[in-house]
C-alpha cells in the first residue's frame, strides 16, 4: 500500500514538521507493509500543477495536515483527487479538522477519514487497518461515515513525548535552507480561551539529550532560522535555561555562525536566570515572540489568561534593553470586553515597550477553542480563518479602523525602516502611536506602494504640518533611508541638489577608504549640520540597519559649508 503524506505551507520559506513526524511514526509503528512519501507544497502554487504532482504518485491513500491557512486549498485538491481516482483514500488531520469532524465529513464527500489528536498514534493504526482489510470502527480518534451513518471519535493524547525523530534523510533533502522547526515540548500549561494548545493535555517534554541532538542536526542543515514551536518554551525555567546555554556554548563550533533560534515565551513568568542567560548570547542569535494579547484586566480574566502586567512589562523591557535579540510582541483585537478605548490605550502602552516588532492580530474563532464552543459572543466570518467582525463592545467600524492602523504599523514600524522618523513625528505632532498609524493609513491606499513612493508620500503628508520642521523631518527620513536601504538611491522628496557632495565624496574616500566593490551612500543633514555615510558591509542582525557614521560640518573646515545650497 502506497501512502502520500501531504501538507500545504503558507509560504515557500516555511517548512512543516507534521508530515515528517507522521512519516517517522508510521515507519516505526505500522505493522503492515506500506510505502511512504512526503510531499510539501504551498497555498500559492498553481493548484493544477500540485494535483498533477500528487496524481503522479498513484498513491492508495493521501493524507493532509490541515490548518486555517490551507484548508480551502486542501479541500479543493481533495475534490480533484477523488474525482480523478475514486478509490484513493483521503485522510485529513490537524487542528483545522480535528474538532469539526462532523462538518468536514458531511460537507465534503471526497474525505474518507478525519483524525483527531496526535497523528503519530492514530495514523499508523488507521493505515494498518486499511492495509490489512480491517474496519477502522474500533479505532479511537478516527471519524468517518459508515453506511450513511456518521461515526465520530474523540481525540487521544499521548502520555509521553518519545515519538521517533522526524529528522530523516528525506527531511533534510527537502529542507533546502528553509525555516526549520523543532518541538521540544508539547501542550501548554495555560488554557487561554482563544487557543487550542491547552487541549493537548499536560505539558510533555522530549528528552533533553534528544532535543540537543536535534538542535545540532538542524543548525548544521543550512537553515538560517531554527524555530521552536513549543507553545511556552520557558514554562520549565531550568530546562529552558539549560537548552539556551547548550545553544550558546555551541555557537561558532557545532552550531554555525549566522543561525538564529526563535522561541515563544511567556514574559510574565520569566526568571532572572533566563534573562541573564539571554544577555550572554552573541548579537542576533536568538529572538523571542512574546504574547501580550491584551492589557485589559477584565478581558484577560474572561479568556482565562492570568497576567501580572507590571512584571510582564518589566521583563519585556529587560529583554529589549539587552539589545542583542529581536523581540516580537503580539496583541489580539476583538477579545471579549475589549473596547476601542481600552485596546488603543493598551496598544500605545505596548508600543513604548520598544520591541522590534508589535504585531496587531485579530481574533480567530478556531474550531475546538473555548471561545468558539461556548456561547457565541461575537460575529465572525464563517470561512477560514474565522476572523472576528464585531463584538458587543467593538463595532465593525472600530475593528476596520484597527485594520487601517495595522497596515501602517507594519509599513512604518515593523519594517524597521523609519525609527527616527517615527520618533520625530510622535514628538512633534501630538499624536499617540495609534493615532499616528490611523492618520497615515486613512490617507494612503491599501495597495502596496514602492518604498520610494511610500517615503515620498510620508514626507509630503507631514512636511508642511504645524510644528514640523520640514528640514528636520527630511534629516530623520534620510538617515533612516541610508541606514536601512543599501541601494544608494535617494527618494525624490529627500534628494537635494548640492554641488558640495562631489567634494565630500572625495574627502571621505581619502580619509575613510573602502574595499573595492563596497557600496557607499552619503547624505547631508542640513538641520543637524551633519554629513552621514554608510558602507553597506554588514547589517545589525537585530535592527536590520547598517552602520552609519556621522561627521559634523566642522570636520570639513570652517568655510566648506559656508555657502548656500544650489549656488
Protein backbone atom coordinates (compact mmCIF):
# COMPACT_ATOMS: atom_id res chain seq x y z
CA UNK A 1 0.00 0.00 0.00
CA UNK A 2 1.42 3.38 -1.01
CA UNK A 3 0.79 6.39 1.22
CA UNK A 4 1.41 10.04 0.31
CA UNK A 5 1.69 12.40 3.30
CA UNK A 6 0.97 15.99 2.21
CA UNK A 7 0.64 19.50 3.50
CA UNK A 8 0.38 23.00 2.02
CA UNK A 9 2.56 25.63 3.69
CA UNK A 10 1.66 29.32 3.71
CA UNK A 11 4.96 30.31 2.03
CA UNK A 12 7.86 28.50 0.41
CA UNK A 13 10.29 29.67 3.12
CA UNK A 14 8.21 27.77 5.69
CA UNK A 15 8.57 24.05 6.16
CA UNK A 16 6.15 21.89 8.13
CA UNK A 17 7.10 19.41 10.83
CA UNK A 18 3.83 17.47 10.89
CA UNK A 19 4.23 15.30 7.76
CA UNK A 20 7.74 14.29 8.79
CA UNK A 21 6.56 13.36 12.29
CA UNK A 22 3.88 11.20 10.66
CA UNK A 23 6.38 9.63 8.27
CA UNK A 24 8.72 8.57 11.08
CA UNK A 25 5.88 7.35 13.30
CA UNK A 26 4.32 5.25 10.53
CA UNK A 27 7.68 3.68 9.71
CA UNK A 28 8.17 2.79 13.35
CA UNK A 29 4.66 1.69 14.32
CA UNK A 30 2.90 0.34 11.21
CA UNK A 31 2.73 -3.46 11.28
CA UNK A 32 1.60 -3.83 7.68
CA UNK A 33 3.89 -3.36 4.70
CA UNK A 34 3.40 0.13 3.34
CA UNK A 35 5.36 2.61 1.23
CA UNK A 36 5.52 6.20 2.50
CA UNK A 37 6.44 9.53 0.92
CA UNK A 38 6.10 13.19 1.98
CA UNK A 39 5.01 15.92 -0.44
CA UNK A 40 5.05 19.57 0.69
CA UNK A 41 3.56 22.37 -1.38
CA UNK A 42 2.34 25.91 -0.73
CA UNK A 43 -1.04 27.59 -0.96
CA UNK A 44 0.45 29.96 -3.54
CA UNK A 45 1.35 27.24 -6.03
CA UNK A 46 -0.73 26.51 -9.09
CA UNK A 47 -3.34 24.04 -7.88
CA UNK A 48 -3.45 22.10 -11.14
CA UNK A 49 0.30 21.51 -11.01
CA UNK A 50 0.06 20.44 -7.38
CA UNK A 51 -2.67 18.00 -8.30
CA UNK A 52 -0.50 16.61 -11.10
CA UNK A 53 2.36 16.02 -8.64
CA UNK A 54 0.02 14.12 -6.34
CA UNK A 55 -1.60 12.15 -9.16
CA UNK A 56 1.81 11.07 -10.49
CA UNK A 57 2.47 9.21 -7.26
CA UNK A 58 -0.54 6.90 -7.81
CA UNK A 59 -0.93 6.58 -4.04
CA UNK A 60 -3.55 4.31 -2.45
CA UNK A 61 -4.10 6.87 0.31
CA UNK A 62 -3.31 10.58 0.58
CA UNK A 63 -3.17 12.40 3.91
CA UNK A 64 -3.23 16.15 4.50
CA UNK A 65 -2.28 18.20 7.59
CA UNK A 66 -4.91 20.95 7.80
CA UNK A 67 -4.63 24.47 9.20
CA UNK A 68 -6.66 27.66 8.84
CA UNK A 69 -4.31 28.95 6.13
CA UNK A 70 -4.58 25.88 3.90
CA UNK A 71 -7.97 24.27 4.48
CA UNK A 72 -9.72 25.75 1.45
CA UNK A 73 -6.91 24.83 -0.97
CA UNK A 74 -6.60 21.41 0.66
CA UNK A 75 -10.27 20.57 0.19
CA UNK A 76 -10.08 21.76 -3.40
CA UNK A 77 -7.21 19.33 -4.01
CA UNK A 78 -9.13 16.55 -2.28
CA UNK A 79 -12.05 17.02 -4.65
CA UNK A 80 -9.72 16.86 -7.65
CA UNK A 81 -8.05 13.71 -6.35
CA UNK A 82 -11.33 11.94 -5.63
CA UNK A 83 -12.82 12.93 -8.97
CA UNK A 84 -9.82 11.57 -10.87
CA UNK A 85 -9.32 8.48 -8.68
CA UNK A 86 -12.41 7.49 -6.66
CA UNK A 87 -10.61 4.59 -4.96
CA UNK A 88 -7.92 6.79 -3.45
CA UNK A 89 -8.47 7.07 0.31
CA UNK A 90 -8.26 10.64 1.63
CA UNK A 91 -7.35 11.21 5.27
CA UNK A 92 -7.34 14.60 6.96
CA UNK A 93 -5.79 15.58 10.29
CA UNK A 94 -4.55 18.69 12.02
CA UNK A 95 -6.10 21.42 14.16
CA UNK A 96 -8.43 22.74 11.46
CA UNK A 97 -10.36 19.44 11.16
CA UNK A 98 -9.75 17.71 14.49
CA UNK A 99 -12.63 19.48 16.26
CA UNK A 100 -15.20 19.76 13.46
CA UNK A 101 -15.21 16.24 12.03
CA UNK A 102 -18.98 16.29 11.50
CA UNK A 103 -18.91 19.41 9.37
CA UNK A 104 -15.94 18.22 7.32
CA UNK A 105 -17.35 14.77 6.62
CA UNK A 106 -20.92 15.89 5.92
CA UNK A 107 -19.92 18.69 3.57
CA UNK A 108 -17.03 17.01 1.77
CA UNK A 109 -17.80 13.60 0.30
CA UNK A 110 -14.23 13.44 -1.02
CA UNK A 111 -12.92 12.99 2.53
CA UNK A 112 -12.92 9.42 3.86
CA UNK A 113 -11.43 9.81 7.35
CA UNK A 114 -10.70 12.59 9.83
CA UNK A 115 -8.10 12.02 12.54
CA UNK A 116 -8.32 13.86 15.86
CA UNK A 117 -5.48 14.25 18.33
CA UNK A 118 -1.90 13.22 17.81
CA UNK A 119 -1.37 11.69 14.41
CA UNK A 120 1.74 9.77 15.46
CA UNK A 121 -0.55 7.49 17.46
CA UNK A 122 -3.60 7.31 15.24
CA UNK A 123 -2.38 7.32 11.65
CA UNK A 124 -0.30 4.11 11.91
CA UNK A 125 -3.30 2.30 13.39
CA UNK A 126 -5.60 3.54 10.62
CA UNK A 127 -3.14 2.63 7.87
CA UNK A 128 -2.74 -0.87 9.34
CA UNK A 129 -6.50 -1.29 9.33
CA UNK A 130 -6.79 -0.13 5.72
CA UNK A 131 -3.81 -2.16 4.54
CA UNK A 132 -4.94 -5.27 6.37
CA UNK A 133 -8.53 -5.01 5.26
CA UNK A 134 -9.87 -4.35 8.77
CA UNK A 135 -12.66 -1.98 9.74
CA UNK A 136 -11.49 1.24 11.42
CA UNK A 137 -14.66 1.34 13.52
CA UNK A 138 -12.82 0.15 16.62
CA UNK A 139 -10.13 2.79 16.42
CA UNK A 140 -10.09 5.79 18.71
CA UNK A 141 -9.85 9.31 17.26
CA UNK A 142 -10.85 8.25 13.72
CA UNK A 143 -14.10 9.70 12.35
CA UNK A 144 -15.82 8.63 9.12
CA UNK A 145 -19.17 7.88 7.53
CA UNK A 146 -20.19 4.21 7.66
CA UNK A 147 -23.20 3.18 5.58
CA UNK A 148 -24.58 6.68 5.73
CA UNK A 149 -24.07 6.99 9.48
CA UNK A 150 -21.58 9.46 10.92
CA UNK A 151 -19.06 7.85 13.29
CA UNK A 152 -17.26 10.45 15.40
CA UNK A 153 -14.45 9.55 17.78
CA UNK A 154 -12.81 11.85 20.29
CA UNK A 155 -9.17 12.78 20.23
CA UNK A 156 -6.49 10.91 22.14
CA UNK A 157 -3.31 12.41 23.53
CA UNK A 158 -0.09 10.58 24.24
CA UNK A 159 1.16 10.27 27.80
CA UNK A 160 4.78 10.56 26.68
CA UNK A 161 6.61 12.55 24.07
CA UNK A 162 9.02 9.94 22.78
CA UNK A 163 7.89 9.60 19.17
CA UNK A 164 10.58 8.80 16.59
CA UNK A 165 12.57 11.79 15.40
CA UNK A 166 11.14 13.42 12.26
CA UNK A 167 14.59 14.39 11.05
CA UNK A 168 15.17 11.77 8.39
CA UNK A 169 17.47 11.94 5.38
CA UNK A 170 14.42 12.83 3.27
CA UNK A 171 13.59 15.69 5.63
CA UNK A 172 16.99 17.32 5.23
CA UNK A 173 16.96 16.77 1.48
CA UNK A 174 13.63 18.61 1.29
CA UNK A 175 14.50 21.41 3.75
CA UNK A 176 16.85 23.26 1.37
CA UNK A 177 17.64 26.16 3.69
CA UNK A 178 14.03 26.94 4.66
CA UNK A 179 12.99 27.74 8.23
CA UNK A 180 13.45 24.58 10.32
CA UNK A 181 11.04 23.75 13.14
CA UNK A 182 11.68 21.82 16.34
CA UNK A 183 9.29 20.70 19.09
CA UNK A 184 10.93 20.08 22.46
CA UNK A 185 7.66 20.11 24.39
CA UNK A 186 4.03 19.52 23.56
CA UNK A 187 0.99 21.02 25.26
CA UNK A 188 0.64 24.24 27.22
CA UNK A 189 0.28 24.92 30.97
CA UNK A 190 -2.24 27.66 30.22
CA UNK A 191 -5.78 27.42 28.89
CA UNK A 192 -6.39 30.65 27.01
CA UNK A 193 -9.94 30.55 25.62
CA UNK A 194 -8.95 31.57 22.07
CA UNK A 195 -6.26 28.89 21.73
CA UNK A 196 -6.08 25.12 21.15
CA UNK A 197 -2.72 24.42 22.76
CA UNK A 198 -4.22 23.81 26.19
CA UNK A 199 -6.29 20.96 24.72
CA UNK A 200 -3.17 18.89 24.02
CA UNK A 201 -3.05 17.64 27.60
CA UNK A 202 -0.45 18.41 30.23
CA UNK A 203 2.92 19.66 29.06
CA UNK A 204 5.18 16.80 27.98
CA UNK A 205 8.85 17.15 27.22
CA UNK A 206 11.14 15.49 24.76
CA UNK A 207 14.29 14.18 26.44
CA UNK A 208 16.98 16.81 26.81
CA UNK A 209 19.59 14.62 25.14
CA UNK A 210 17.35 14.02 22.12
CA UNK A 211 16.45 17.71 21.92
CA UNK A 212 20.10 18.73 21.99
CA UNK A 213 20.92 16.19 19.28
CA UNK A 214 18.14 17.55 17.08
CA UNK A 215 19.22 21.16 17.67
CA UNK A 216 22.67 20.37 16.30
CA UNK A 217 21.25 18.48 13.33
CA UNK A 218 19.00 21.39 12.34
CA UNK A 219 21.65 24.04 12.95
CA UNK A 220 24.01 22.25 10.57
CA UNK A 221 21.34 21.74 7.88
CA UNK A 222 21.91 25.01 6.04
CA UNK A 223 18.91 26.80 7.54
CA UNK A 224 19.28 30.31 8.90
CA UNK A 225 16.41 30.00 11.40
CA UNK A 226 15.58 27.20 13.83
CA UNK A 227 12.14 27.85 15.28
CA UNK A 228 10.93 26.16 18.45
CA UNK A 229 7.19 25.52 18.20
CA UNK A 230 6.83 24.92 21.95
CA UNK A 231 3.83 26.98 22.99
CA UNK A 232 5.58 28.24 26.15
CA UNK A 233 9.29 27.49 25.90
CA UNK A 234 10.02 28.82 29.38
CA UNK A 235 7.24 27.04 31.31
CA UNK A 236 10.05 24.97 32.88
CA UNK A 237 12.65 27.64 33.55
CA UNK A 238 15.54 25.34 34.46
CA UNK A 239 15.05 23.24 31.33
CA UNK A 240 14.77 26.33 29.14
CA UNK A 241 17.97 27.82 30.59
CA UNK A 242 19.83 24.55 30.05
CA UNK A 243 18.79 24.46 26.37
CA UNK A 244 19.71 28.12 25.90
CA UNK A 245 23.11 27.52 27.49
CA UNK A 246 23.68 24.47 25.29
CA UNK A 247 22.92 26.52 22.17
CA UNK A 248 25.09 29.44 23.26
CA UNK A 249 28.12 27.29 24.08
CA UNK A 250 28.00 25.59 20.69
CA UNK A 251 27.63 28.72 18.54
CA UNK A 252 30.63 29.01 16.26
CA UNK A 253 31.57 25.34 16.61
CA UNK A 254 28.84 22.71 16.28
CA UNK A 255 26.32 25.46 15.53
CA UNK A 256 27.41 27.56 12.53
CA UNK A 257 27.53 31.32 12.93
CA UNK A 258 24.56 33.06 11.33
CA UNK A 259 21.94 30.61 12.61
CA UNK A 260 19.19 32.24 14.69
CA UNK A 261 16.94 30.45 17.20
CA UNK A 262 13.34 31.57 17.69
CA UNK A 263 11.27 30.91 20.83
CA UNK A 264 7.73 31.68 22.02
CA UNK A 265 7.83 32.65 25.69
CA UNK A 266 5.58 33.91 28.45
CA UNK A 267 7.36 37.01 29.77
CA UNK A 268 5.10 37.16 32.82
CA UNK A 269 6.82 34.07 34.29
CA UNK A 270 10.38 34.88 33.16
CA UNK A 271 13.05 34.26 35.77
CA UNK A 272 16.20 36.33 36.20
CA UNK A 273 18.33 33.28 35.35
CA UNK A 274 16.65 33.12 31.91
CA UNK A 275 17.24 36.83 31.24
CA UNK A 276 20.84 36.57 32.46
CA UNK A 277 21.50 33.68 30.06
CA UNK A 278 19.96 35.61 27.14
CA UNK A 279 22.31 38.52 27.87
CA UNK A 280 25.32 36.28 27.13
CA UNK A 281 24.27 35.43 23.57
CA UNK A 282 26.04 36.89 20.54
CA UNK A 283 24.01 39.58 18.82
CA UNK A 284 21.22 38.28 16.60
CA UNK A 285 21.46 34.59 17.53
CA UNK A 286 18.17 34.39 19.45
CA UNK A 287 14.78 36.03 19.06
CA UNK A 288 11.68 35.88 21.22
CA UNK A 289 7.99 36.12 20.49
CA UNK A 290 6.04 37.40 23.50
CA UNK A 291 2.26 37.21 23.57
CA UNK A 292 0.75 40.16 25.42
CA UNK A 293 -2.68 39.84 23.71
CA UNK A 294 -4.41 42.46 25.88
CA UNK A 295 -3.75 44.82 28.77
CA UNK A 296 -7.43 44.93 29.78
CA UNK A 297 -7.78 43.11 33.10
CA UNK A 298 -11.42 42.15 32.53
CA UNK A 299 -10.58 40.82 29.08
CA UNK A 300 -7.71 38.71 30.38
CA UNK A 301 -9.87 37.26 33.14
CA UNK A 302 -12.62 36.37 30.66
CA UNK A 303 -10.24 34.34 28.47
CA UNK A 304 -8.52 32.59 31.37
CA UNK A 305 -5.19 34.33 30.87
CA UNK A 306 -3.54 35.21 34.14
CA UNK A 307 -1.06 38.04 33.91
CA UNK A 308 0.83 40.42 36.16
CA UNK A 309 1.06 43.39 33.83
CA UNK A 310 3.79 45.20 35.76
CA UNK A 311 6.01 42.12 35.83
CA UNK A 312 5.24 41.35 32.19
CA UNK A 313 6.23 44.83 31.03
CA UNK A 314 9.32 44.87 33.25
CA UNK A 315 10.58 41.61 31.79
CA UNK A 316 9.91 42.68 28.20
CA UNK A 317 11.83 45.91 28.80
CA UNK A 318 14.69 43.88 30.30
CA UNK A 319 14.93 41.78 27.14
CA UNK A 320 14.67 44.85 24.91
CA UNK A 321 17.34 46.69 26.91
CA UNK A 322 19.82 43.84 26.47
CA UNK A 323 19.78 44.76 22.78
CA UNK A 324 21.20 41.50 21.43
CA UNK A 325 17.94 39.77 20.46
CA UNK A 326 14.95 40.57 18.27
CA UNK A 327 11.78 40.93 20.39
CA UNK A 328 8.38 40.39 18.79
CA UNK A 329 5.24 41.23 20.79
CA UNK A 330 1.62 40.37 19.98
CA UNK A 331 -1.77 41.94 20.60
CA UNK A 332 -5.14 40.40 19.68
CA UNK A 333 -8.01 42.70 18.71
CA UNK A 334 -11.61 41.61 19.21
CA UNK A 335 -11.37 39.74 22.51
CA UNK A 336 -14.28 39.80 24.98
CA UNK A 337 -14.89 43.08 26.85
CA UNK A 338 -12.20 44.89 24.86
CA UNK A 339 -13.36 48.33 23.79
CA UNK A 340 -11.91 50.68 21.21
CA UNK A 341 -10.60 52.85 24.04
CA UNK A 342 -9.12 50.04 26.12
CA UNK A 343 -7.46 48.44 23.10
CA UNK A 344 -5.92 51.65 21.78
CA UNK A 345 -4.64 52.55 25.28
CA UNK A 346 -3.09 49.10 25.55
CA UNK A 347 -1.62 49.44 22.07
CA UNK A 348 0.09 52.70 22.99
CA UNK A 349 1.48 51.20 26.19
CA UNK A 350 2.88 48.22 24.29
CA UNK A 351 4.36 50.43 21.57
CA UNK A 352 6.55 52.22 24.08
CA UNK A 353 7.99 48.93 25.37
CA UNK A 354 10.36 49.33 22.43
CA UNK A 355 10.11 45.82 20.98
CA UNK A 356 11.43 45.36 17.45
CA UNK A 357 8.01 44.27 16.28
CA UNK A 358 4.49 44.80 17.58
CA UNK A 359 2.03 42.55 15.79
CA UNK A 360 -1.59 43.62 15.77
CA UNK A 361 -3.56 40.43 15.14
CA UNK A 362 -7.31 39.83 15.04
CA UNK A 363 -9.17 37.18 16.98
CA UNK A 364 -9.79 33.94 15.08
CA UNK A 365 -12.64 31.74 16.35
CA UNK A 366 -10.87 28.41 15.94
CA UNK A 367 -12.77 25.13 15.89
CA UNK A 368 -12.31 23.50 19.28
CA UNK A 369 -11.40 26.67 21.15
CA UNK A 370 -13.49 27.51 24.24
CA UNK A 371 -14.42 30.89 22.74
CA UNK A 372 -15.99 29.17 19.73
CA UNK A 373 -17.52 26.25 21.61
CA UNK A 374 -19.06 28.45 24.29
CA UNK A 375 -21.90 30.93 23.95
CA UNK A 376 -21.10 33.00 20.87
CA UNK A 377 -20.10 36.49 22.00
CA UNK A 378 -19.24 37.99 18.61
CA UNK A 379 -19.93 37.99 14.91
CA UNK A 380 -17.20 36.30 12.92
CA UNK A 381 -16.52 35.08 9.40
CA UNK A 382 -17.94 31.66 8.55
CA UNK A 383 -14.93 30.93 6.34
CA UNK A 384 -11.37 30.26 7.47
CA UNK A 385 -9.65 31.94 9.22
CA UNK A 386 -12.92 32.77 11.10
CA UNK A 387 -11.86 36.32 11.94
CA UNK A 388 -13.95 38.43 14.29
CA UNK A 389 -16.16 41.03 12.56
CA UNK A 390 -17.73 42.76 15.55
CA UNK A 391 -18.34 42.28 19.26
CA UNK A 392 -20.81 43.81 21.74
CA UNK A 393 -18.09 46.28 22.76
CA UNK A 394 -16.34 46.85 19.41
CA UNK A 395 -18.27 47.67 16.26
CA UNK A 396 -17.35 46.59 12.76
CA UNK A 397 -16.17 50.17 12.15
CA UNK A 398 -13.95 50.01 15.24
CA UNK A 399 -12.29 46.86 14.01
CA UNK A 400 -11.91 48.23 10.50
CA UNK A 401 -10.09 51.20 12.00
CA UNK A 402 -7.73 48.75 13.69
CA UNK A 403 -7.06 47.13 10.33
CA UNK A 404 -6.09 50.55 8.97
CA UNK A 405 -3.70 51.04 11.89
CA UNK A 406 -2.30 47.51 11.41
CA UNK A 407 -1.39 48.24 7.80
CA UNK A 408 0.69 51.29 8.70
CA UNK A 409 2.09 49.68 11.83
CA UNK A 410 3.64 47.05 9.56
CA UNK A 411 4.89 49.53 6.97
CA UNK A 412 6.16 52.27 9.29
CA UNK A 413 7.21 50.42 12.45
CA UNK A 414 7.54 46.67 11.97
CA UNK A 415 9.50 47.14 8.76
CA UNK A 416 12.28 48.74 10.81
CA UNK A 417 12.77 51.34 8.07
CA UNK A 418 11.59 54.51 9.85
CA UNK A 419 12.67 54.53 13.53
CA UNK A 420 13.95 58.13 13.64
CA UNK A 421 11.09 59.38 11.51
CA UNK A 422 8.53 57.86 13.85
CA UNK A 423 10.29 59.24 16.92
CA UNK A 424 10.31 62.75 15.46
CA UNK A 425 6.68 62.59 14.33
CA UNK A 426 5.48 61.37 17.73
CA UNK A 427 7.45 64.14 19.45
CA UNK A 428 6.10 66.93 17.25
CA UNK A 429 2.60 66.05 16.03
CA UNK A 430 0.99 65.36 19.40
CA UNK A 431 -0.34 62.05 18.06
CA UNK A 432 -0.27 58.89 20.11
CA UNK A 433 1.26 55.96 18.22
CA UNK A 434 -2.16 54.54 17.40
CA UNK A 435 -3.46 57.93 16.20
CA UNK A 436 -0.39 58.36 14.00
CA UNK A 437 -0.81 54.98 12.30
CA UNK A 438 -4.51 55.67 11.74
CA UNK A 439 -3.80 59.17 10.38
CA UNK A 440 -1.35 57.79 7.82
CA UNK A 441 -3.44 54.74 6.96
CA UNK A 442 -6.56 56.77 6.25
CA UNK A 443 -4.65 58.85 3.71
CA UNK A 444 -2.83 56.13 1.81
CA UNK A 445 -4.17 53.38 -0.44
CA UNK A 446 -4.34 49.80 0.79
CA UNK A 447 -2.44 48.61 -2.25
CA UNK A 448 1.30 48.03 -1.79
CA UNK A 449 3.46 51.04 -2.58
CA UNK A 450 7.05 51.01 -3.77
CA UNK A 451 9.27 52.08 -0.87
CA UNK A 452 10.43 55.23 -2.67
CA UNK A 453 6.87 56.34 -3.34
CA UNK A 454 5.83 55.46 0.19
CA UNK A 455 8.68 57.60 1.52
CA UNK A 456 7.63 60.50 -0.70
CA UNK A 457 4.03 60.16 0.49
CA UNK A 458 5.01 60.24 4.17
CA UNK A 459 7.24 63.27 3.67
CA UNK A 460 4.56 65.10 1.70
CA UNK A 461 1.94 64.28 4.31
CA UNK A 462 3.84 65.93 7.18
CA UNK A 463 6.41 68.38 5.77
CA UNK A 464 4.04 71.36 5.84
CA UNK A 465 2.24 70.37 9.05
CA UNK A 466 2.12 72.59 12.09
CA UNK A 467 5.08 72.14 14.48
CA UNK A 468 7.00 70.18 11.84
CA UNK A 469 10.40 71.44 10.70
CA UNK A 470 10.49 70.16 7.12
CA UNK A 471 14.30 70.00 7.06
CA UNK A 472 14.45 68.15 10.37
CA UNK A 473 11.86 65.68 9.08
CA UNK A 474 13.95 65.21 5.96
CA UNK A 475 17.05 64.65 8.08
CA UNK A 476 15.30 61.88 10.01
CA UNK A 477 13.92 60.25 6.88
CA UNK A 478 17.24 60.49 5.02
CA UNK A 479 19.10 58.96 7.96
CA UNK A 480 16.56 56.13 8.11
CA UNK A 481 16.87 55.57 4.38
CA UNK A 482 20.65 55.42 4.33
CA UNK A 483 20.73 53.15 7.40
CA UNK A 484 18.18 50.65 6.10
CA UNK A 485 18.47 50.59 2.31
CA UNK A 486 21.68 49.62 0.52
CA UNK A 487 20.54 50.63 -2.96
CA UNK A 488 22.27 54.02 -2.68
CA UNK A 489 19.21 55.64 -4.28
CA UNK A 490 17.66 58.62 -2.51
CA UNK A 491 13.87 59.10 -2.99
CA UNK A 492 12.79 62.23 -4.83
CA UNK A 493 11.36 64.01 -1.78
CA UNK A 494 14.62 63.64 0.17
CA UNK A 495 17.03 64.48 -2.65
CA UNK A 496 18.73 67.88 -2.64
CA UNK A 497 20.97 69.14 -5.44
CA UNK A 498 24.19 70.16 -3.71
CA UNK A 499 27.49 70.55 -5.57
CA UNK A 500 29.44 70.02 -2.34
CA UNK A 501 28.54 66.34 -2.38
CA UNK A 502 31.19 65.58 -5.01
CA UNK A 503 33.92 67.12 -2.84
CA UNK A 504 32.57 65.39 0.27
CA UNK A 505 32.84 62.06 -1.53
CA UNK A 506 36.44 62.77 -2.46
CA UNK A 507 37.35 63.73 1.11
CA UNK A 508 35.67 60.68 2.57
CA UNK A 509 37.29 58.37 0.02
CA UNK A 510 40.69 59.66 1.11
CA UNK A 511 40.12 59.63 4.87
CA UNK A 512 37.81 56.59 5.06
CA UNK A 513 38.81 54.37 2.13
CA UNK A 514 36.71 51.30 1.38
CA UNK A 515 37.49 47.95 -0.12
CA UNK A 516 36.82 47.51 -3.80
CA UNK A 517 33.19 46.68 -4.55
CA UNK A 518 31.81 48.10 -1.29
CA UNK A 519 28.79 50.32 -1.93
CA UNK A 520 28.74 53.64 -0.05
CA UNK A 521 25.89 56.11 0.29
CA UNK A 522 26.14 59.54 1.88
CA UNK A 523 23.87 62.44 2.63
CA UNK A 524 23.87 65.92 4.10
CA UNK A 525 21.59 66.61 7.07
CA UNK A 526 21.01 70.37 6.87
CA UNK A 527 19.02 70.87 10.05
CA UNK A 528 21.55 68.85 12.07
CA UNK A 529 24.56 70.28 10.18
CA UNK A 530 25.96 66.80 9.74
CA UNK A 531 27.26 64.59 6.94
CA UNK A 532 26.36 60.92 7.24
CA UNK A 533 27.51 57.92 5.25
CA UNK A 534 27.21 54.16 5.33
CA UNK A 535 29.35 51.44 3.82
CA UNK A 536 26.98 48.55 3.18
CA UNK A 537 29.05 45.70 4.52
CA UNK A 538 27.11 44.17 7.40
CA UNK A 539 23.63 44.64 8.83
CA UNK A 540 22.84 44.72 12.50
CA UNK A 541 21.08 41.34 12.91
CA UNK A 542 18.66 42.74 15.50
CA UNK A 543 17.62 46.07 13.97
CA UNK A 544 18.31 45.26 10.32
CA UNK A 545 20.23 48.55 9.94
CA UNK A 546 23.68 49.19 8.51
CA UNK A 547 26.16 51.22 10.50
CA UNK A 548 26.10 54.97 9.81
CA UNK A 549 28.98 57.33 10.53
CA UNK A 550 28.22 60.96 11.43
CA UNK A 551 30.56 63.86 10.76
CA UNK A 552 29.75 67.48 11.79
CA UNK A 553 30.14 70.21 9.19
CA UNK A 554 33.18 71.47 11.14
CA UNK A 555 35.00 68.25 10.21
CA UNK A 556 35.30 69.59 6.66
CA UNK A 557 36.60 73.02 7.68
CA UNK A 558 35.00 76.23 8.78
CA UNK A 559 34.31 77.54 5.30
CA UNK A 560 33.42 74.34 3.48
CA UNK A 561 29.68 74.64 4.23
CA UNK A 562 29.74 78.39 4.30
CA UNK A 563 27.76 78.96 1.12
CA UNK A 564 24.13 78.34 0.25
CA UNK A 565 22.74 75.24 -1.35
CA UNK A 566 22.36 75.25 -5.14
CA UNK A 567 24.91 78.05 -5.65
